Amino acid sequence: LIDARNAQDPPLTPEESARLCDRNFSVGGDGVIFALAPPSDSEYDFSMRIYNSDGSEPEMCGNGIRCLAAFLRDLGEDAKSYTINTLAGPIIPVMNDDGTV
């Protein structure tokens, strides 16, 4: 997860993300999720983009959106839910009282 809430586009390219995910030469991972600023003049709170470990870009990820919501909470965002812009359309994760999303 990368906090890029001050930008509307990911700060890494798909190729850079793929290199970062390479378990043999870097941190390793299944992909990189970006917390981004929402589109201008929109009803969204944030945007989410993902690059998979091969550099491809999926529309969204169910587990990823929950991780993003928890990440936003950990960064100090304090809302019961967020309207997130994804390539699949709006997703609204809800923060439960027990800490789950």
PDB file of N, CA and C in Angstrom:
ATOM      1  N   LEU A   1       0.848  -1.178   0.000  1.00  0.00           N
ATOM      2  CA  LEU A   1       0.000   0.000   0.000  1.00  0.00           C
ATOM      3  C   LEU A   1       0.888   1.233   0.000  1.00  0.00           C
ATOM      4  N   ILE A   2       0.576   2.151  -0.886  1.00  0.00           N
ATOM      5  CA  ILE A   2       1.335   3.394  -0.976  1.00  0.00           C
ATOM      6  C   ILE A   2       0.376   4.561  -0.794  1.00  0.00           C
ATOM      7  N   ASP A   3       0.723   5.444   0.137  1.00  0.00           N
ATOM      8  CA  ASP A   3      -0.066   6.639   0.403  1.00  0.00           C
ATOM      9  C   ASP A   3       0.304   7.709  -0.620  1.00  0.00           C
ATOM     10  N   ALA A   4      -0.554   7.891  -1.597  1.00  0.00           N
ATOM     11  CA  ALA A   4      -0.367   8.923  -2.617  1.00  0.00           C
ATOM     12  C   ALA A   4      -1.625   9.771  -2.697  1.00  0.00           C
ATOM     13  N   ARG A   5      -2.205  10.067  -1.530  1.00  0.00           N
ATOM     14  CA  ARG A   5      -3.467  10.807  -1.483  1.00  0.00           C
ATOM     15  C   ARG A   5      -3.337  12.237  -2.002  1.00  0.00           C
ATOM     16  N   ASN A   6      -2.113  12.695  -2.231  1.00  0.00           N
ATOM     17  CA  ASN A   6      -1.900  14.033  -2.775  1.00  0.00           C
ATOM     18  C   ASN A   6      -1.793  14.024  -4.303  1.00  0.00           C
ATOM     19  N   ALA A   7      -1.984  12.869  -4.928  1.00  0.00           N
ATOM     20  CA  ALA A   7      -1.865  12.740  -6.385  1.00  0.00           C
ATOM     21  C   ALA A   7      -3.061  11.976  -6.942  1.00  0.00           C
ATOM     22  N   GLN A   8      -3.366  12.228  -8.204  1.00  0.00           N
ATOM     23  CA  GLN A   8      -4.460  11.501  -8.847  1.00  0.00           C
ATOM     24  C   GLN A   8      -3.967  10.304  -9.649  1.00  0.00           C
ATOM     25  N   ASP A   9      -2.658  10.214  -9.857  1.00  0.00           N
ATOM     26  CA  ASP A   9      -2.075   9.096 -10.599  1.00  0.00           C
ATOM     27  C   ASP A   9      -1.038   8.397  -9.729  1.00  0.00           C
ATOM     28  N   PRO A  10      -0.870   7.097  -9.917  1.00  0.00           N
ATOM     29  CA  PRO A  10       0.128   6.362  -9.130  1.00  0.00           C
ATOM     30  C   PRO A  10       1.534   6.940  -9.330  1.00  0.00           C
ATOM     31  N   PRO A  11       2.321   7.025  -8.262  1.00  0.00           N
ATOM     32  CA  PRO A  11       3.683   7.551  -8.386  1.00  0.00           C
ATOM     33  C   PRO A  11       4.670   6.550  -8.992  1.00  0.00           C
ATOM     34  N   LEU A  12       4.269   5.303  -9.134  1.00  0.00           N
ATOM     35  CA  LEU A  12       5.106   4.279  -9.755  1.00  0.00           C
ATOM     36  C   LEU A  12       4.474   3.831 -11.063  1.00  0.00           C
ATOM     37  N   THR A  13       5.305   3.427 -12.001  1.00  0.00           N
ATOM     38  CA  THR A  13       4.808   2.853 -13.256  1.00  0.00           C
ATOM     39  C   THR A  13       4.476   1.382 -13.019  1.00  0.00           C
ATOM     40  N   PRO A  14       3.743   0.769 -13.938  1.00  0.00           N
ATOM     41  CA  PRO A  14       3.506  -0.676 -13.821  1.00  0.00           C
ATOM     42  C   PRO A  14       4.823  -1.469 -13.777  1.00  0.00           C
ATOM     43  N   GLU A  15       5.803  -1.045 -14.552  1.00  0.00           N
ATOM     44  CA  GLU A  15       7.084  -1.739 -14.575  1.00  0.00           C
ATOM     45  C   GLU A  15       7.810  -1.624 -13.231  1.00  0.00           C
ATOM     46  N   GLU A  16       7.808  -0.430 -12.644  1.00  0.00           N
ATOM     47  CA  GLU A  16       8.433  -0.236 -11.332  1.00  0.00           C
ATOM     48  C   GLU A  16       7.730  -1.070 -10.267  1.00  0.00           C
ATOM     49  N   SER A  17       6.410  -1.124 -10.356  1.00  0.00           N
ATOM     50  CA  SER A  17       5.637  -1.924  -9.398  1.00  0.00           C
ATOM     51  C   SER A  17       5.968  -3.401  -9.539  1.00  0.00           C
ATOM     52  N   ALA A  18       6.098  -3.878 -10.768  1.00  0.00           N
ATOM     53  CA  ALA A  18       6.449  -5.280 -10.999  1.00  0.00           C
ATOM     54  C   ALA A  18       7.824  -5.590 -10.407  1.00  0.00           C
ATOM     55  N   ARG A  19       8.785  -4.680 -10.578  1.00  0.00           N
ATOM     56  CA  ARG A  19      10.120  -4.892  -9.992  1.00  0.00           C
ATOM     57  C   ARG A  19      10.048  -4.917  -8.475  1.00  0.00           C
ATOM     58  N   LEU A  20       9.232  -4.048  -7.882  1.00  0.00           N
ATOM     59  CA  LEU A  20       9.073  -4.008  -6.430  1.00  0.00           C
ATOM     60  C   LEU A  20       8.483  -5.317  -5.913  1.00  0.00           C
ATOM     61  N   CYS A  21       7.619  -5.947  -6.702  1.00  0.00           N
ATOM     62  CA  CYS A  21       6.956  -7.189  -6.299  1.00  0.00           C
ATOM     63  C   CYS A  21       7.815  -8.433  -6.527  1.00  0.00           C
ATOM     64  N   ASP A  22       8.936  -8.296  -7.181  1.00  0.00           N
ATOM     65  CA  ASP A  22       9.803  -9.442  -7.488  1.00  0.00           C
ATOM     66  C   ASP A  22      10.442  -9.972  -6.205  1.00  0.00           C
ATOM     67  N   ARG A  23      10.028 -11.155  -5.779  1.00  0.00           N
ATOM     68  CA  ARG A  23      10.504 -11.740  -4.530  1.00  0.00           C
ATOM     69  C   ARG A  23      11.988 -12.110  -4.550  1.00  0.00           C
ATOM     70  N   ASN A  24      12.566 -12.256  -5.728  1.00  0.00           N
ATOM     71  CA  ASN A  24      13.974 -12.629  -5.835  1.00  0.00           C
ATOM     72  C   ASN A  24      14.923 -11.438  -5.726  1.00  0.00           C
ATOM     73  N   PHE A  25      14.420 -10.246  -6.028  1.00  0.00           N
ATOM     74  CA  PHE A  25      15.304  -9.086  -6.083  1.00  0.00           C
ATOM     75  C   PHE A  25      14.799  -7.873  -5.311  1.00  0.00           C
ATOM     76  N   SER A  26      13.641  -7.959  -4.672  1.00  0.00           N
ATOM     77  CA  SER A  26      13.080  -6.782  -4.012  1.00  0.00           C
ATOM     78  C   SER A  26      12.222  -7.214  -2.828  1.00  0.00           C
ATOM     79  N   VAL A  27      11.275  -6.383  -2.473  1.00  0.00           N
ATOM     80  CA  VAL A  27      10.408  -6.630  -1.321  1.00  0.00           C
ATOM     81  C   VAL A  27       9.552  -7.874  -1.523  1.00  0.00           C
ATOM     82  N   GLY A  28       9.003  -8.022  -2.699  1.00  0.00           N
ATOM     83  CA  GLY A  28       8.106  -9.134  -2.986  1.00  0.00           C
ATOM     84  C   GLY A  28       6.676  -8.789  -2.649  1.00  0.00           C
ATOM     85  N   GLY A  29       5.751  -9.340  -3.399  1.00  0.00           N
ATOM     86  CA  GLY A  29       4.335  -9.109  -3.139  1.00  0.00           C
ATOM     87  C   GLY A  29       3.490  -9.507  -4.329  1.00  0.00           C
ATOM     88  N   ASP A  30       2.179  -9.528  -4.106  1.00  0.00           N
ATOM     89  CA  ASP A  30       1.239  -9.867  -5.172  1.00  0.00           C
ATOM     90  C   ASP A  30       0.882  -8.665  -6.021  1.00  0.00           C
ATOM     91  N   GLY A  31       1.157  -7.464  -5.508  1.00  0.00           N
ATOM     92  CA  GLY A  31       0.832  -6.255  -6.237  1.00  0.00           C
ATOM     93  C   GLY A  31       1.036  -5.047  -5.358  1.00  0.00           C
ATOM     94  N   VAL A  32       0.799  -3.874  -5.945  1.00  0.00           N
ATOM     95  CA  VAL A  32       0.933  -2.603  -5.235  1.00  0.00           C
ATOM     96  C   VAL A  32      -0.407  -1.886  -5.329  1.00  0.00           C
ATOM     97  N   ILE A  33      -0.911  -1.444  -4.180  1.00  0.00           N
ATOM     98  CA  ILE A  33      -2.171  -0.705  -4.116  1.00  0.00           C
ATOM     99  C   ILE A  33      -1.852   0.744  -3.783  1.00  0.00           C
ATOM    100  N   PHE A  34      -2.465   1.662  -4.512  1.00  0.00           N
ATOM    101  CA  PHE A  34      -2.230   3.081  -4.314  1.00  0.00           C
ATOM    102  C   PHE A  34      -3.485   3.754  -3.758  1.00  0.00           C
ATOM    103  N   ALA A  35      -3.338   4.474  -2.647  1.00  0.00           N
ATOM    104  CA  ALA A  35      -4.389   5.349  -2.121  1.00  0.00           C
ATOM    105  C   ALA A  35      -4.175   6.700  -2.783  1.00  0.00           C
ATOM    106  N   LEU A  36      -5.129   7.120  -3.602  1.00  0.00           N
ATOM    107  CA  LEU A  36      -4.979   8.329  -4.416  1.00  0.00           C
ATOM    108  C   LEU A  36      -6.058   9.352  -4.109  1.00  0.00           C
ATOM    109  N   ALA A  37      -5.796  10.583  -4.528  1.00  0.00           N
ATOM    110  CA  ALA A  37      -6.806  11.639  -4.443  1.00  0.00           C
ATOM    111  C   ALA A  37      -7.965  11.286  -5.377  1.00  0.00           C
ATOM    112  N   PRO A  38      -9.165  11.728  -5.040  1.00  0.00           N
ATOM    113  CA  PRO A  38     -10.306  11.455  -5.933  1.00  0.00           C
ATOM    114  C   PRO A  38     -10.244  12.340  -7.169  1.00  0.00           C
ATOM    115  N   PRO A  39     -10.993  11.992  -8.210  1.00  0.00           N
ATOM    116  CA  PRO A  39     -11.085  12.887  -9.364  1.00  0.00           C
ATOM    117  C   PRO A  39     -11.631  14.246  -8.927  1.00  0.00           C
ATOM    118  N   SER A  40     -11.190  15.290  -9.584  1.00  0.00           N
ATOM    119  CA  SER A  40     -11.676  16.632  -9.268  1.00  0.00           C
ATOM    120  C   SER A  40     -13.185  16.707  -9.456  1.00  0.00           C
ATOM    121  N   ASP A  41     -13.822  17.489  -8.602  1.00  0.00           N
ATOM    122  CA  ASP A  41     -15.277  17.712  -8.697  1.00  0.00           C
ATOM    123  C   ASP A  41     -16.059  16.413  -8.761  1.00  0.00           C
ATOM    124  N   SER A  42     -15.762  15.484  -7.841  1.00  0.00           N
ATOM    125  CA  SER A  42     -16.476  14.208  -7.824  1.00  0.00           C
ATOM    126  C   SER A  42     -17.039  13.959  -6.435  1.00  0.00           C
ATOM    127  N   GLU A  43     -17.872  12.954  -6.338  1.00  0.00           N
ATOM    128  CA  GLU A  43     -18.475  12.574  -5.056  1.00  0.00           C
ATOM    129  C   GLU A  43     -17.595  11.587  -4.284  1.00  0.00           C
ATOM    130  N   TYR A  44     -16.431  11.247  -4.838  1.00  0.00           N
ATOM    131  CA  TYR A  44     -15.548  10.255  -4.219  1.00  0.00           C
ATOM    132  C   TYR A  44     -14.705  10.856  -3.098  1.00  0.00           C
ATOM    133  N   ASP A  45     -14.385  10.014  -2.113  1.00  0.00           N
ATOM    134  CA  ASP A  45     -13.476  10.422  -1.047  1.00  0.00           C
ATOM    135  C   ASP A  45     -12.021  10.170  -1.442  1.00  0.00           C
ATOM    136  N   PHE A  46     -11.771   9.055  -2.133  1.00  0.00           N
ATOM    137  CA  PHE A  46     -10.435   8.648  -2.557  1.00  0.00           C
ATOM    138  C   PHE A  46     -10.554   7.848  -3.846  1.00  0.00           C
ATOM    139  N   SER A  47      -9.402   7.601  -4.461  1.00  0.00           N
ATOM    140  CA  SER A  47      -9.321   6.673  -5.593  1.00  0.00           C
ATOM    141  C   SER A  47      -8.366   5.558  -5.218  1.00  0.00           C
ATOM    142  N   MET A  48      -8.549   4.394  -5.855  1.00  0.00           N
ATOM    143  CA  MET A  48      -7.661   3.258  -5.660  1.00  0.00           C
ATOM    144  C   MET A  48      -7.253   2.742  -7.026  1.00  0.00           C
ATOM    145  N   ARG A  49      -5.958   2.528  -7.191  1.00  0.00           N
ATOM    146  CA  ARG A  49      -5.432   1.855  -8.380  1.00  0.00           C
ATOM    147  C   ARG A  49      -4.535   0.735  -7.886  1.00  0.00           C
ATOM    148  N   ILE A  50      -4.420  -0.306  -8.683  1.00  0.00           N
ATOM    149  CA  ILE A  50      -3.618  -1.480  -8.334  1.00  0.00           C
ATOM    150  C   ILE A  50      -2.787  -1.882  -9.547  1.00  0.00           C
ATOM    151  N   TYR A  51      -1.530  -2.211  -9.296  1.00  0.00           N
ATOM    152  CA  TYR A  51      -0.717  -2.888 -10.301  1.00  0.00           C
ATOM    153  C   TYR A  51      -0.372  -4.258  -9.745  1.00  0.00           C
ATOM    154  N   ASN A  52      -0.693  -5.298 -10.496  1.00  0.00           N
ATOM    155  CA  ASN A  52      -0.347  -6.661 -10.094  1.00  0.00           C
ATOM    156  C   ASN A  52       1.161  -6.880 -10.222  1.00  0.00           C
ATOM    157  N   SER A  53       1.631  -8.003  -9.705  1.00  0.00           N
ATOM    158  CA  SER A  53       3.063  -8.302  -9.719  1.00  0.00           C
ATOM    159  C   SER A  53       3.634  -8.446 -11.127  1.00  0.00           C
ATOM    160  N   ASP A  54       2.769  -8.666 -12.116  1.00  0.00           N
ATOM    161  CA  ASP A  54       3.243  -8.748 -13.505  1.00  0.00           C
ATOM    162  C   ASP A  54       3.104  -7.407 -14.233  1.00  0.00           C
ATOM    163  N   GLY A  55       2.669  -6.360 -13.511  1.00  0.00           N
ATOM    164  CA  GLY A  55       2.509  -5.034 -14.101  1.00  0.00           C
ATOM    165  C   GLY A  55       1.142  -4.772 -14.685  1.00  0.00           C
ATOM    166  N   SER A  56       0.274  -5.785 -14.741  1.00  0.00           N
ATOM    167  CA  SER A  56      -1.081  -5.576 -15.259  1.00  0.00           C
ATOM    168  C   SER A  56      -1.901  -4.790 -14.230  1.00  0.00           C
ATOM    169  N   GLU A  57      -2.973  -4.178 -14.701  1.00  0.00           N
ATOM    170  CA  GLU A  57      -3.817  -3.359 -13.825  1.00  0.00           C
ATOM    171  C   GLU A  57      -5.240  -3.911 -13.791  1.00  0.00           C
ATOM    172  N   PRO A  58      -5.653  -4.488 -12.661  1.00  0.00           N
ATOM    173  CA  PRO A  58      -7.029  -4.969 -12.541  1.00  0.00           C
ATOM    174  C   PRO A  58      -7.979  -3.813 -12.261  1.00  0.00           C
ATOM    175  N   GLU A  59      -9.269  -4.069 -12.470  1.00  0.00           N
ATOM    176  CA  GLU A  59     -10.263  -3.033 -12.177  1.00  0.00           C
ATOM    177  C   GLU A  59     -10.366  -2.752 -10.688  1.00  0.00           C
ATOM    178  N   MET A  60     -10.310  -3.791  -9.879  1.00  0.00           N
ATOM    179  CA  MET A  60     -10.332  -3.647  -8.423  1.00  0.00           C
ATOM    180  C   MET A  60     -10.041  -4.993  -7.802  1.00  0.00           C
ATOM    181  N   CYS A  61      -9.936  -5.028  -6.478  1.00  0.00           N
ATOM    182  CA  CYS A  61      -9.694  -6.261  -5.738  1.00  0.00           C
ATOM    183  C   CYS A  61     -10.481  -6.178  -4.444  1.00  0.00           C
ATOM    184  N   GLY A  62     -11.306  -7.171  -4.163  1.00  0.00           N
ATOM    185  CA  GLY A  62     -12.136  -7.163  -2.957  1.00  0.00           C
ATOM    186  C   GLY A  62     -11.324  -7.101  -1.671  1.00  0.00           C
ATOM    187  N   ASN A  63     -10.303  -7.950  -1.553  1.00  0.00           N
ATOM    188  CA  ASN A  63      -9.456  -7.894  -0.370  1.00  0.00           C
ATOM    189  C   ASN A  63      -8.647  -6.605  -0.345  1.00  0.00           C
ATOM    190  N   GLY A  64      -8.229  -6.155  -1.521  1.00  0.00           N
ATOM    191  CA  GLY A  64      -7.452  -4.928  -1.608  1.00  0.00           C
ATOM    192  C   GLY A  64      -8.228  -3.711  -1.149  1.00  0.00           C
ATOM    193  N   ILE A  65      -9.516  -3.627  -1.483  1.00  0.00           N
ATOM    194  CA  ILE A  65     -10.320  -2.473  -1.069  1.00  0.00           C
ATOM    195  C   ILE A  65     -10.491  -2.463   0.447  1.00  0.00           C
ATOM    196  N   ARG A  66     -10.601  -3.648   1.057  1.00  0.00           N
ATOM    197  CA  ARG A  66     -10.684  -3.714   2.520  1.00  0.00           C
ATOM    198  C   ARG A  66      -9.362  -3.298   3.158  1.00  0.00           C
ATOM    199  N   CYS A  67      -8.264  -3.749   2.574  1.00  0.00           N
ATOM    200  CA  CYS A  67      -6.944  -3.337   3.073  1.00  0.00           C
ATOM    201  C   CYS A  67      -6.765  -1.828   2.929  1.00  0.00           C
ATOM    202  N   LEU A  68      -7.208  -1.269   1.807  1.00  0.00           N
ATOM    203  CA  LEU A  68      -7.108   0.172   1.603  1.00  0.00           C
ATOM    204  C   LEU A  68      -7.909   0.927   2.655  1.00  0.00           C
ATOM    205  N   ALA A  69      -9.118   0.492   2.941  1.00  0.00           N
ATOM    206  CA  ALA A  69      -9.952   1.165   3.945  1.00  0.00           C
ATOM    207  C   ALA A  69      -9.285   1.115   5.320  1.00  0.00           C
ATOM    208  N   ALA A  70      -8.728  -0.032   5.696  1.00  0.00           N
ATOM    209  CA  ALA A  70      -8.029  -0.151   6.977  1.00  0.00           C
ATOM    210  C   ALA A  70      -6.778   0.731   6.982  1.00  0.00           C
ATOM    211  N   PHE A  71      -6.061   0.797   5.859  1.00  0.00           N
ATOM    212  CA  PHE A  71      -4.879   1.645   5.718  1.00  0.00           C
ATOM    213  C   PHE A  71      -5.261   3.110   5.922  1.00  0.00           C
ATOM    214  N   LEU A  72      -6.362   3.550   5.303  1.00  0.00           N
ATOM    215  CA  LEU A  72      -6.825   4.930   5.470  1.00  0.00           C
ATOM    216  C   LEU A  72      -7.143   5.222   6.937  1.00  0.00           C
ATOM    217  N   ARG A  73      -7.786   4.262   7.601  1.00  0.00           N
ATOM    218  CA  ARG A  73      -8.076   4.420   9.030  1.00  0.00           C
ATOM    219  C   ARG A  73      -6.771   4.558   9.810  1.00  0.00           C
ATOM    220  N   ASP A  74      -5.787   3.715   9.506  1.00  0.00           N
ATOM    221  CA  ASP A  74      -4.503   3.766  10.197  1.00  0.00           C
ATOM    222  C   ASP A  74      -3.757   5.069   9.940  1.00  0.00           C
ATOM    223  N   LEU A  75      -4.018   5.697   8.790  1.00  0.00           N
ATOM    224  CA  LEU A  75      -3.398   6.982   8.471  1.00  0.00           C
ATOM    225  C   LEU A  75      -4.109   8.152   9.139  1.00  0.00           C
ATOM    226  N   GLY A  76      -5.213   7.875   9.840  1.00  0.00           N
ATOM    227  CA  GLY A  76      -5.919   8.932  10.562  1.00  0.00           C
ATOM    228  C   GLY A  76      -7.225   9.379   9.948  1.00  0.00           C
ATOM    229  N   GLU A  77      -7.589   8.823   8.809  1.00  0.00           N
ATOM    230  CA  GLU A  77      -8.899   9.136   8.226  1.00  0.00           C
ATOM    231  C   GLU A  77      -9.953   8.534   9.152  1.00  0.00           C
ATOM    232  N   ASP A  78     -10.983   9.307   9.449  1.00  0.00           N
ATOM    233  CA  ASP A  78     -11.940   8.862  10.456  1.00  0.00           C
ATOM    234  C   ASP A  78     -13.359   8.956   9.912  1.00  0.00           C
ATOM    235  N   ALA A  79     -13.740   7.968   9.135  1.00  0.00           N
ATOM    236  CA  ALA A  79     -15.093   7.934   8.585  1.00  0.00           C
ATOM    237  C   ALA A  79     -15.669   6.539   8.767  1.00  0.00           C
ATOM    238  N   LYS A  80     -16.964   6.443   8.837  1.00  0.00           N
ATOM    239  CA  LYS A  80     -17.640   5.152   8.955  1.00  0.00           C
ATOM    240  C   LYS A  80     -17.586   4.383   7.637  1.00  0.00           C
ATOM    241  N   SER A  81     -17.520   5.118   6.519  1.00  0.00           N
ATOM    242  CA  SER A  81     -17.380   4.506   5.199  1.00  0.00           C
ATOM    243  C   SER A  81     -16.705   5.504   4.279  1.00  0.00           C
ATOM    244  N   TYR A  82     -16.184   4.986   3.180  1.00  0.00           N
ATOM    245  CA  TYR A  82     -15.530   5.809   2.172  1.00  0.00           C
ATOM    246  C   TYR A  82     -16.110   5.454   0.817  1.00  0.00           C
ATOM    247  N   THR A  83     -16.288   6.445  -0.033  1.00  0.00           N
ATOM    248  CA  THR A  83     -16.673   6.186  -1.406  1.00  0.00           C
ATOM    249  C   THR A  83     -15.392   6.225  -2.229  1.00  0.00           C
ATOM    250  N   ILE A  84     -14.983   5.044  -2.714  1.00  0.00           N
ATOM    251  CA  ILE A  84     -13.703   4.894  -3.395  1.00  0.00           C
ATOM    252  C   ILE A  84     -13.923   4.757  -4.897  1.00  0.00           C
ATOM    253  N   ASN A  85     -13.214   5.560  -5.667  1.00  0.00           N
ATOM    254  CA  ASN A  85     -13.230   5.472  -7.123  1.00  0.00           C
ATOM    255  C   ASN A  85     -12.285   4.351  -7.545  1.00  0.00           C
ATOM    256  N   THR A  86     -12.788   3.362  -8.284  1.00  0.00           N
ATOM    257  CA  THR A  86     -11.963   2.284  -8.838  1.00  0.00           C
ATOM    258  C   THR A  86     -12.249   2.183 -10.329  1.00  0.00           C
ATOM    259  N   LEU A  87     -11.435   1.440 -11.032  1.00  0.00           N
ATOM    260  CA  LEU A  87     -11.688   1.229 -12.465  1.00  0.00           C
ATOM    261  C   LEU A  87     -12.961   0.423 -12.694  1.00  0.00           C
ATOM    262  N   ALA A  88     -13.455  -0.256 -11.657  1.00  0.00           N
ATOM    263  CA  ALA A  88     -14.703  -1.016 -11.745  1.00  0.00           C
ATOM    264  C   ALA A  88     -15.907  -0.168 -11.352  1.00  0.00           C
ATOM    265  N   GLY A  89     -15.679   1.091 -10.983  1.00  0.00           N
ATOM    266  CA  GLY A  89     -16.755   1.961 -10.526  1.00  0.00           C
ATOM    267  C   GLY A  89     -16.642   2.208  -9.035  1.00  0.00           C
ATOM    268  N   PRO A  90     -17.638   2.876  -8.453  1.00  0.00           N
ATOM    269  CA  PRO A  90     -17.563   3.209  -7.031  1.00  0.00           C
ATOM    270  C   PRO A  90     -17.709   1.975  -6.138  1.00  0.00           C
ATOM    271  N   ILE A  91     -16.881   1.916  -5.109  1.00  0.00           N
ATOM    272  CA  ILE A  91     -16.949   0.874  -4.085  1.00  0.00           C
ATOM    273  C   ILE A  91     -17.019   1.601  -2.749  1.00  0.00           C
ATOM    274  N   ILE A  92     -17.889   1.126  -1.849  1.00  0.00           N
ATOM    275  CA  ILE A  92     -18.064   1.779  -0.552  1.00  0.00           C
ATOM    276  C   ILE A  92     -17.779   0.788   0.574  1.00  0.00           C
ATOM    277  N   PRO A  93     -16.518   0.713   1.029  1.00  0.00           N
ATOM    278  CA  PRO A  93     -16.226  -0.134   2.184  1.00  0.00           C
ATOM    279  C   PRO A  93     -16.740   0.529   3.459  1.00  0.00           C
ATOM    280  N   VAL A  94     -17.258  -0.285   4.375  1.00  0.00           N
ATOM    281  CA  VAL A  94     -17.816   0.211   5.627  1.00  0.00           C
ATOM    282  C   VAL A  94     -16.940  -0.271   6.785  1.00  0.00           C
ATOM    283  N   MET A  95     -16.589   0.655   7.664  1.00  0.00           N
ATOM    284  CA  MET A  95     -15.785   0.327   8.829  1.00  0.00           C
ATOM    285  C   MET A  95     -16.729  -0.131   9.939  1.00  0.00           C
ATOM    286  N   ASN A  96     -16.563  -1.365  10.399  1.00  0.00           N
ATOM    287  CA  ASN A  96     -17.407  -1.934  11.449  1.00  0.00           C
ATOM    288  C   ASN A  96     -16.870  -1.559  12.834  1.00  0.00           C
ATOM    289  N   ASP A  97     -17.753  -1.564  13.821  1.00  0.00           N
ATOM    290  CA  ASP A  97     -17.370  -1.196  15.176  1.00  0.00           C
ATOM    291  C   ASP A  97     -16.326  -2.134  15.769  1.00  0.00           C
ATOM    292  N   ASP A  98     -16.279  -3.378  15.281  1.00  0.00           N
ATOM    293  CA  ASP A  98     -15.298  -4.340  15.814  1.00  0.00           C
ATOM    294  C   ASP A  98     -13.941  -4.230  15.123  1.00  0.00           C
ATOM    295  N   GLY A  99     -13.766  -3.229  14.256  1.00  0.00           N
ATOM    296  CA  GLY A  99     -12.489  -3.011  13.578  1.00  0.00           C
ATOM    297  C   GLY A  99     -12.373  -3.661  12.226  1.00  0.00           C
ATOM    298  N   THR A 100     -13.328  -4.504  11.864  1.00  0.00           N
ATOM    299  CA  THR A 100     -13.301  -5.134  10.551  1.00  0.00           C
ATOM    300  C   THR A 100     -13.854  -4.181   9.504  1.00  0.00           C
ATOM    301  N   VAL A 101     -13.609  -4.519   8.244  1.00  0.00           N
ATOM    302  CA  VAL A 101     -14.100  -3.702   7.130  1.00  0.00           C
ATOM    303  C   VAL A 101     -15.047  -4.558   6.305  1.00  0.00           C
TER     304      VAL A 101
END
